[in-house]
Amino acid sequence: MKKRLNVLFVLPEFDSSTQYGYYFFHYFNIERIASYYYNVIKLEKERALNVYVIEALKKYDPVLVFGYGHGAWNLYTSQNKTPTFADPRGVAKEIPQLKVIVKKGNSEILSDRIVYLLTCNVGKGLGRVAVSKGCRAFISFKDDFVWCSEGKYPLEDDISYYFFKPAYQVLKRLLEGYTVYDAFMSFKYESLKYLDELDDVARKTLLFNIKNMILIGDRYANLS
């Protein structure tokens, strides 16, 4: 019998942005879908601090790492904006928009994995360095990931669905065994389905996200 592989989900929840990521992860039943095929390691809320993420990577050696949170060109942060994955070129460099300092890089810990970070900016630098250090493929955004909101908690915010559905479609495709490229392209196809249902501002926002999602690494890689 084939050994089930491990996948890691990093699910912070500490501000309005991460509330949306957290809510839609559960709304789209991602854990249930993943459990059909893989052993699921899920780090939620305070368990999504950087120390637990690194510990899980070393202990479980997941083939897939998914997370959301806040990012800069050389940094992904998890719960409470704790620096979690960093580009070595960012040593001791302050990241003003996140008000944190990167003291050392660790992107090599993503080696031999497929990584999808639903996070602003990290595709610009961190993703490229991670792939150069052995990460199989890296999907994220080279600019901000943005969405329109009705200013309410996501449970009552209908318009945000049109932005998070394409984002989580990428993760679903990866879990279902599609290639990284197929998963990446599903973001575009799913987003375009909703253009006619949205106003001009929302349409432009979806198109902005399509333009800025980036895939680095082996486009033919998959989790099987």
C-alpha atoms as a PDB file:
ATOM      1  CA  MET A   1       0.000   0.000   0.000  1.00  0.00           C
ATOM      2  CA  LYS A   2       1.333   3.412  -0.985  1.00  0.00           C
ATOM      3  CA  LYS A   3       2.386   5.580   1.941  1.00  0.00           C
ATOM      4  CA  ARG A   4       0.237   8.665   2.412  1.00  0.00           C
ATOM      5  CA  LEU A   5       2.181  11.880   2.103  1.00  0.00           C
ATOM      6  CA  ASN A   6       1.905  14.855   4.434  1.00  0.00           C
ATOM      7  CA  VAL A   7       0.614  18.338   3.624  1.00  0.00           C
ATOM      8  CA  LEU A   8       0.979  21.369   5.875  1.00  0.00           C
ATOM      9  CA  PHE A   9      -1.579  24.146   6.263  1.00  0.00           C
ATOM     10  CA  VAL A  10      -0.555  27.351   8.076  1.00  0.00           C
ATOM     11  CA  LEU A  11      -3.745  29.140   9.146  1.00  0.00           C
ATOM     12  CA  PRO A  12      -3.182  32.314  11.184  1.00  0.00           C
ATOM     13  CA  GLU A  13      -6.089  34.371  12.484  1.00  0.00           C
ATOM     14  CA  PHE A  14      -5.297  37.614  14.259  1.00  0.00           C
ATOM     15  CA  ASP A  15      -6.575  40.522  12.131  1.00  0.00           C
ATOM     16  CA  SER A  16      -9.230  41.230   9.516  1.00  0.00           C
ATOM     17  CA  SER A  17      -7.154  39.973   6.575  1.00  0.00           C
ATOM     18  CA  THR A  18      -6.314  36.648   8.192  1.00  0.00           C
ATOM     19  CA  GLN A  19      -9.922  36.256   9.332  1.00  0.00           C
ATOM     20  CA  TYR A  20     -10.898  36.133   5.666  1.00  0.00           C
ATOM     21  CA  GLY A  21      -8.249  33.546   4.818  1.00  0.00           C
ATOM     22  CA  TYR A  22      -9.242  31.451   7.824  1.00  0.00           C
ATOM     23  CA  TYR A  23     -12.960  31.642   7.135  1.00  0.00           C
ATOM     24  CA  PHE A  24     -12.720  30.653   3.467  1.00  0.00           C
ATOM     25  CA  PHE A  25     -10.289  27.803   4.132  1.00  0.00           C
ATOM     26  CA  HIS A  26     -13.047  26.209   6.178  1.00  0.00           C
ATOM     27  CA  TYR A  27     -15.903  27.396   3.945  1.00  0.00           C
ATOM     28  CA  PHE A  28     -14.407  25.585   0.947  1.00  0.00           C
ATOM     29  CA  ASN A  29     -13.805  22.385   2.973  1.00  0.00           C
ATOM     30  CA  ILE A  30     -10.111  22.294   2.151  1.00  0.00           C
ATOM     31  CA  GLU A  31      -9.181  20.037   5.047  1.00  0.00           C
ATOM     32  CA  ARG A  32     -11.814  17.470   4.089  1.00  0.00           C
ATOM     33  CA  ILE A  33     -10.625  17.439   0.470  1.00  0.00           C
ATOM     34  CA  ALA A  34      -6.998  17.094   1.524  1.00  0.00           C
ATOM     35  CA  SER A  35      -7.753  14.250   3.943  1.00  0.00           C
ATOM     36  CA  TYR A  36      -8.983  12.085   1.047  1.00  0.00           C
ATOM     37  CA  TYR A  37      -5.443  11.917  -0.274  1.00  0.00           C
ATOM     38  CA  TYR A  38      -2.969  13.020   2.404  1.00  0.00           C
ATOM     39  CA  ASN A  39      -2.145  13.226   6.066  1.00  0.00           C
ATOM     40  CA  VAL A  40      -3.067  16.759   7.081  1.00  0.00           C
ATOM     41  CA  ILE A  41      -0.945  18.818   9.454  1.00  0.00           C
ATOM     42  CA  LYS A  42      -2.948  21.913  10.321  1.00  0.00           C
ATOM     43  CA  LEU A  43      -1.520  24.772  12.369  1.00  0.00           C
ATOM     44  CA  GLU A  44      -4.261  27.209  13.363  1.00  0.00           C
ATOM     45  CA  LYS A  45      -4.211  30.550  15.157  1.00  0.00           C
ATOM     46  CA  GLU A  46      -1.561  30.544  17.916  1.00  0.00           C
ATOM     47  CA  ARG A  47      -0.268  27.206  16.633  1.00  0.00           C
ATOM     48  CA  ALA A  48       0.575  29.016  13.392  1.00  0.00           C
ATOM     49  CA  LEU A  49       3.470  30.890  15.005  1.00  0.00           C
ATOM     50  CA  ASN A  50       6.784  30.534  13.194  1.00  0.00           C
ATOM     51  CA  VAL A  51       8.331  28.174  15.748  1.00  0.00           C
ATOM     52  CA  TYR A  52       5.562  25.613  15.251  1.00  0.00           C
ATOM     53  CA  VAL A  53       5.695  25.943  11.463  1.00  0.00           C
ATOM     54  CA  ILE A  54       9.423  25.215  11.346  1.00  0.00           C
ATOM     55  CA  GLU A  55       8.989  22.358  13.808  1.00  0.00           C
ATOM     56  CA  ALA A  56       6.262  20.807  11.620  1.00  0.00           C
ATOM     57  CA  LEU A  57       8.389  21.090   8.500  1.00  0.00           C
ATOM     58  CA  LYS A  58      11.235  19.227  10.154  1.00  0.00           C
ATOM     59  CA  LYS A  59       9.040  16.622  11.841  1.00  0.00           C
ATOM     60  CA  TYR A  60       6.552  15.783   9.093  1.00  0.00           C
ATOM     61  CA  ASP A  61       8.445  16.704   5.904  1.00  0.00           C
ATOM     62  CA  PRO A  62       5.298  17.780   3.988  1.00  0.00           C
ATOM     63  CA  VAL A  63       5.242  17.695   0.204  1.00  0.00           C
ATOM     64  CA  LEU A  64       2.971  20.751   0.133  1.00  0.00           C
ATOM     65  CA  VAL A  65       3.072  23.904   2.220  1.00  0.00           C
ATOM     66  CA  PHE A  66       0.088  26.252   2.050  1.00  0.00           C
ATOM     67  CA  GLY A  67      -0.316  29.387   4.083  1.00  0.00           C
ATOM     68  CA  TYR A  68      -1.744  32.874   4.072  1.00  0.00           C
ATOM     69  CA  GLY A  69      -0.781  35.892   6.122  1.00  0.00           C
ATOM     70  CA  HIS A  70       1.234  39.010   5.377  1.00  0.00           C
ATOM     71  CA  GLY A  71       4.270  39.278   3.169  1.00  0.00           C
ATOM     72  CA  ALA A  72       6.958  41.469   1.693  1.00  0.00           C
ATOM     73  CA  TRP A  73       9.275  40.775  -1.228  1.00  0.00           C
ATOM     74  CA  ASN A  74      11.630  38.728   0.931  1.00  0.00           C
ATOM     75  CA  LEU A  75       9.439  37.566   3.777  1.00  0.00           C
ATOM     76  CA  TYR A  76       6.360  35.532   4.668  1.00  0.00           C
ATOM     77  CA  THR A  77       4.875  36.055   8.122  1.00  0.00           C
ATOM     78  CA  SER A  78       2.362  33.836   9.901  1.00  0.00           C
ATOM     79  CA  GLN A  79       0.476  34.307  13.197  1.00  0.00           C
ATOM     80  CA  ASN A  80       0.961  37.769  14.719  1.00  0.00           C
ATOM     81  CA  LYS A  81       3.282  38.677  11.823  1.00  0.00           C
ATOM     82  CA  THR A  82       6.062  36.405  13.058  1.00  0.00           C
ATOM     83  CA  PRO A  83       8.770  36.065  10.353  1.00  0.00           C
ATOM     84  CA  THR A  84       8.469  32.479   9.099  1.00  0.00           C
ATOM     85  CA  PHE A  85      10.122  32.087   5.674  1.00  0.00           C
ATOM     86  CA  ALA A  86      12.771  34.599   4.640  1.00  0.00           C
ATOM     87  CA  ASP A  87      15.105  35.370   1.766  1.00  0.00           C
ATOM     88  CA  PRO A  88      18.752  35.251   2.922  1.00  0.00           C
ATOM     89  CA  ARG A  89      19.416  38.561   1.178  1.00  0.00           C
ATOM     90  CA  GLY A  90      17.151  40.156   3.758  1.00  0.00           C
ATOM     91  CA  VAL A  91      19.535  39.617   6.678  1.00  0.00           C
ATOM     92  CA  ALA A  92      18.938  42.257   9.347  1.00  0.00           C
ATOM     93  CA  LYS A  93      16.832  44.296   6.940  1.00  0.00           C
ATOM     94  CA  GLU A  94      13.786  46.082   8.269  1.00  0.00           C
ATOM     95  CA  ILE A  95      10.533  45.482   6.424  1.00  0.00           C
ATOM     96  CA  PRO A  96       8.732  48.798   7.020  1.00  0.00           C
ATOM     97  CA  GLN A  97       5.257  47.758   5.902  1.00  0.00           C
ATOM     98  CA  LEU A  98       5.291  44.805   8.309  1.00  0.00           C
ATOM     99  CA  LYS A  99       7.354  46.516  11.038  1.00  0.00           C
ATOM    100  CA  VAL A 100       9.585  43.492  11.496  1.00  0.00           C
ATOM    101  CA  ILE A 101      13.259  42.793  10.971  1.00  0.00           C
ATOM    102  CA  VAL A 102      14.543  39.767   9.071  1.00  0.00           C
ATOM    103  CA  LYS A 103      17.570  38.539  10.987  1.00  0.00           C
ATOM    104  CA  LYS A 104      18.397  35.478   8.927  1.00  0.00           C
ATOM    105  CA  GLY A 105      17.171  33.588   5.911  1.00  0.00           C
ATOM    106  CA  ASN A 106      15.747  30.068   5.901  1.00  0.00           C
ATOM    107  CA  SER A 107      14.202  29.589   2.459  1.00  0.00           C
ATOM    108  CA  GLU A 108      16.184  26.361   2.026  1.00  0.00           C
ATOM    109  CA  ILE A 109      13.713  24.714   4.415  1.00  0.00           C
ATOM    110  CA  LEU A 110      11.227  24.764   1.516  1.00  0.00           C
ATOM    111  CA  SER A 111      13.480  22.521  -0.578  1.00  0.00           C
ATOM    112  CA  ASP A 112      11.777  19.561  -2.322  1.00  0.00           C
ATOM    113  CA  ARG A 113       8.309  20.949  -1.609  1.00  0.00           C
ATOM    114  CA  ILE A 114       5.520  22.628  -3.540  1.00  0.00           C
ATOM    115  CA  VAL A 115       4.645  25.913  -1.858  1.00  0.00           C
ATOM    116  CA  TYR A 116       1.537  28.057  -2.263  1.00  0.00           C
ATOM    117  CA  LEU A 117       1.403  31.250  -0.205  1.00  0.00           C
ATOM    118  CA  LEU A 118      -1.784  33.298  -0.495  1.00  0.00           C
ATOM    119  CA  THR A 119       0.166  36.361   0.519  1.00  0.00           C
ATOM    120  CA  CYS A 120       1.198  39.724  -0.849  1.00  0.00           C
ATOM    121  CA  ASN A 121       4.531  40.307  -2.567  1.00  0.00           C
ATOM    122  CA  VAL A 122       6.495  37.162  -1.654  1.00  0.00           C
ATOM    123  CA  GLY A 123       6.622  35.990  -5.267  1.00  0.00           C
ATOM    124  CA  LYS A 124       8.835  38.975  -6.030  1.00  0.00           C
ATOM    125  CA  GLY A 125      11.903  37.735  -4.155  1.00  0.00           C
ATOM    126  CA  LEU A 126      11.348  34.973  -1.621  1.00  0.00           C
ATOM    127  CA  GLY A 127       9.850  32.614  -4.181  1.00  0.00           C
ATOM    128  CA  ARG A 128      12.759  32.929  -6.572  1.00  0.00           C
ATOM    129  CA  VAL A 129      15.330  32.346  -3.862  1.00  0.00           C
ATOM    130  CA  ALA A 130      13.377  29.366  -2.474  1.00  0.00           C
ATOM    131  CA  VAL A 131      13.301  27.747  -5.921  1.00  0.00           C
ATOM    132  CA  SER A 132      17.017  28.404  -6.374  1.00  0.00           C
ATOM    133  CA  LYS A 133      17.511  26.582  -3.044  1.00  0.00           C
ATOM    134  CA  GLY A 134      15.576  23.511  -4.199  1.00  0.00           C
ATOM    135  CA  CYS A 135      11.860  24.311  -3.762  1.00  0.00           C
ATOM    136  CA  ARG A 136      10.061  22.351  -6.499  1.00  0.00           C
ATOM    137  CA  ALA A 137       7.527  25.062  -7.317  1.00  0.00           C
ATOM    138  CA  PHE A 138       6.317  28.252  -5.681  1.00  0.00           C
ATOM    139  CA  ILE A 139       2.972  29.988  -6.289  1.00  0.00           C
ATOM    140  CA  SER A 140       2.201  33.383  -4.809  1.00  0.00           C
ATOM    141  CA  PHE A 141       1.851  37.055  -5.782  1.00  0.00           C
ATOM    142  CA  LYS A 142       4.465  39.534  -6.952  1.00  0.00           C
ATOM    143  CA  ASP A 143       2.312  42.432  -5.748  1.00  0.00           C
ATOM    144  CA  ASP A 144      -0.549  42.669  -3.262  1.00  0.00           C
ATOM    145  CA  PHE A 145      -3.345  40.106  -3.192  1.00  0.00           C
ATOM    146  CA  VAL A 146      -6.428  42.281  -2.876  1.00  0.00           C
ATOM    147  CA  TRP A 147     -10.166  41.829  -2.691  1.00  0.00           C
ATOM    148  CA  CYS A 148     -13.317  43.898  -2.449  1.00  0.00           C
ATOM    149  CA  SER A 149     -15.266  43.780   0.789  1.00  0.00           C
ATOM    150  CA  GLU A 150     -18.559  44.993   2.142  1.00  0.00           C
ATOM    151  CA  GLY A 151     -16.793  45.868   5.363  1.00  0.00           C
ATOM    152  CA  LYS A 152     -18.233  43.041   7.405  1.00  0.00           C
ATOM    153  CA  TYR A 153     -17.019  39.808   8.918  1.00  0.00           C
ATOM    154  CA  PRO A 154     -16.525  37.353   6.014  1.00  0.00           C
ATOM    155  CA  LEU A 155     -19.551  35.317   7.059  1.00  0.00           C
ATOM    156  CA  GLU A 156     -21.704  38.275   6.018  1.00  0.00           C
ATOM    157  CA  ASP A 157     -19.549  39.570   3.175  1.00  0.00           C
ATOM    158  CA  ASP A 158     -20.824  38.164  -0.125  1.00  0.00           C
ATOM    159  CA  ILE A 159     -18.511  39.977  -2.535  1.00  0.00           C
ATOM    160  CA  SER A 160     -15.267  38.650  -1.038  1.00  0.00           C
ATOM    161  CA  TYR A 161     -16.317  35.146  -2.160  1.00  0.00           C
ATOM    162  CA  TYR A 162     -15.469  36.060  -5.765  1.00  0.00           C
ATOM    163  CA  PHE A 163     -11.840  36.684  -4.800  1.00  0.00           C
ATOM    164  CA  PHE A 164     -11.226  33.802  -2.424  1.00  0.00           C
ATOM    165  CA  LYS A 165     -12.942  31.166  -4.556  1.00  0.00           C
ATOM    166  CA  PRO A 166     -10.273  31.425  -7.288  1.00  0.00           C
ATOM    167  CA  ALA A 167      -7.521  31.566  -4.664  1.00  0.00           C
ATOM    168  CA  TYR A 168      -8.651  28.361  -2.990  1.00  0.00           C
ATOM    169  CA  GLN A 169      -9.339  26.728  -6.344  1.00  0.00           C
ATOM    170  CA  VAL A 170      -5.568  26.691  -6.835  1.00  0.00           C
ATOM    171  CA  LEU A 171      -5.119  24.762  -3.594  1.00  0.00           C
ATOM    172  CA  LYS A 172      -7.903  22.329  -4.442  1.00  0.00           C
ATOM    173  CA  ARG A 173      -6.329  21.582  -7.804  1.00  0.00           C
ATOM    174  CA  LEU A 174      -2.958  20.914  -6.205  1.00  0.00           C
ATOM    175  CA  LEU A 175      -4.540  18.534  -3.698  1.00  0.00           C
ATOM    176  CA  GLU A 176      -6.404  16.730  -6.475  1.00  0.00           C
ATOM    177  CA  GLY A 177      -3.117  15.915  -8.227  1.00  0.00           C
ATOM    178  CA  TYR A 178      -3.126  18.473 -11.025  1.00  0.00           C
ATOM    179  CA  THR A 179       0.183  19.908 -12.149  1.00  0.00           C
ATOM    180  CA  VAL A 180       1.346  23.145 -10.604  1.00  0.00           C
ATOM    181  CA  TYR A 181       0.733  24.897 -13.905  1.00  0.00           C
ATOM    182  CA  ASP A 182      -2.844  23.611 -14.154  1.00  0.00           C
ATOM    183  CA  ALA A 183      -3.490  24.731 -10.578  1.00  0.00           C
ATOM    184  CA  PHE A 184      -1.937  28.112 -11.301  1.00  0.00           C
ATOM    185  CA  MET A 185      -4.051  28.630 -14.430  1.00  0.00           C
ATOM    186  CA  SER A 186      -7.229  27.672 -12.559  1.00  0.00           C
ATOM    187  CA  PHE A 187      -6.917  30.968 -10.690  1.00  0.00           C
ATOM    188  CA  LYS A 188      -7.304  32.869 -13.948  1.00  0.00           C
ATOM    189  CA  TYR A 189     -10.119  30.715 -15.313  1.00  0.00           C
ATOM    190  CA  GLU A 190     -12.089  30.801 -12.057  1.00  0.00           C
ATOM    191  CA  SER A 191     -11.645  34.570 -11.729  1.00  0.00           C
ATOM    192  CA  LEU A 192     -12.786  35.283 -15.281  1.00  0.00           C
ATOM    193  CA  LYS A 193     -16.031  33.389 -14.666  1.00  0.00           C
ATOM    194  CA  TYR A 194     -17.157  36.110 -12.267  1.00  0.00           C
ATOM    195  CA  LEU A 195     -16.360  39.258 -14.220  1.00  0.00           C
ATOM    196  CA  ASP A 196     -19.896  39.745 -15.504  1.00  0.00           C
ATOM    197  CA  GLU A 197     -21.301  39.472 -11.986  1.00  0.00           C
ATOM    198  CA  LEU A 198     -19.226  42.310 -10.545  1.00  0.00           C
ATOM    199  CA  ASP A 199     -19.030  46.084 -10.817  1.00  0.00           C
ATOM    200  CA  ASP A 200     -16.162  47.881 -12.492  1.00  0.00           C
ATOM    201  CA  VAL A 201     -14.038  48.229  -9.346  1.00  0.00           C
ATOM    202  CA  ALA A 202     -14.353  44.552  -8.462  1.00  0.00           C
ATOM    203  CA  ARG A 203     -13.583  43.492 -12.038  1.00  0.00           C
ATOM    204  CA  LYS A 204     -10.421  45.582 -12.072  1.00  0.00           C
ATOM    205  CA  THR A 205      -9.413  44.096  -8.733  1.00  0.00           C
ATOM    206  CA  LEU A 206      -9.819  40.532  -9.989  1.00  0.00           C
ATOM    207  CA  LEU A 207      -7.790  41.363 -13.097  1.00  0.00           C
ATOM    208  CA  PHE A 208      -5.090  42.902 -10.906  1.00  0.00           C
ATOM    209  CA  ASN A 209      -4.807  39.640  -8.971  1.00  0.00           C
ATOM    210  CA  ILE A 210      -4.653  37.590 -12.171  1.00  0.00           C
ATOM    211  CA  LYS A 211      -1.819  39.781 -13.450  1.00  0.00           C
ATOM    212  CA  ASN A 212       0.167  39.471 -10.246  1.00  0.00           C
ATOM    213  CA  MET A 213      -0.107  35.785  -9.404  1.00  0.00           C
ATOM    214  CA  ILE A 214       3.200  34.134 -10.211  1.00  0.00           C
ATOM    215  CA  LEU A 215       4.468  30.585 -10.654  1.00  0.00           C
ATOM    216  CA  ILE A 216       8.176  29.884 -10.216  1.00  0.00           C
ATOM    217  CA  GLY A 217       9.853  26.506 -10.627  1.00  0.00           C
ATOM    218  CA  ASP A 218       8.775  23.258 -12.246  1.00  0.00           C
ATOM    219  CA  ARG A 219       5.386  23.869 -13.848  1.00  0.00           C
ATOM    220  CA  TYR A 220       4.899  20.129 -14.404  1.00  0.00           C
ATOM    221  CA  ALA A 221       5.393  19.200 -10.754  1.00  0.00           C
ATOM    222  CA  ASN A 222       2.507  17.674  -8.817  1.00  0.00           C
ATOM    223  CA  LEU A 223       1.949  16.057  -5.441  1.00  0.00           C
ATOM    224  CA  SER A 224       1.726  12.458  -6.608  1.00  0.00           C
END
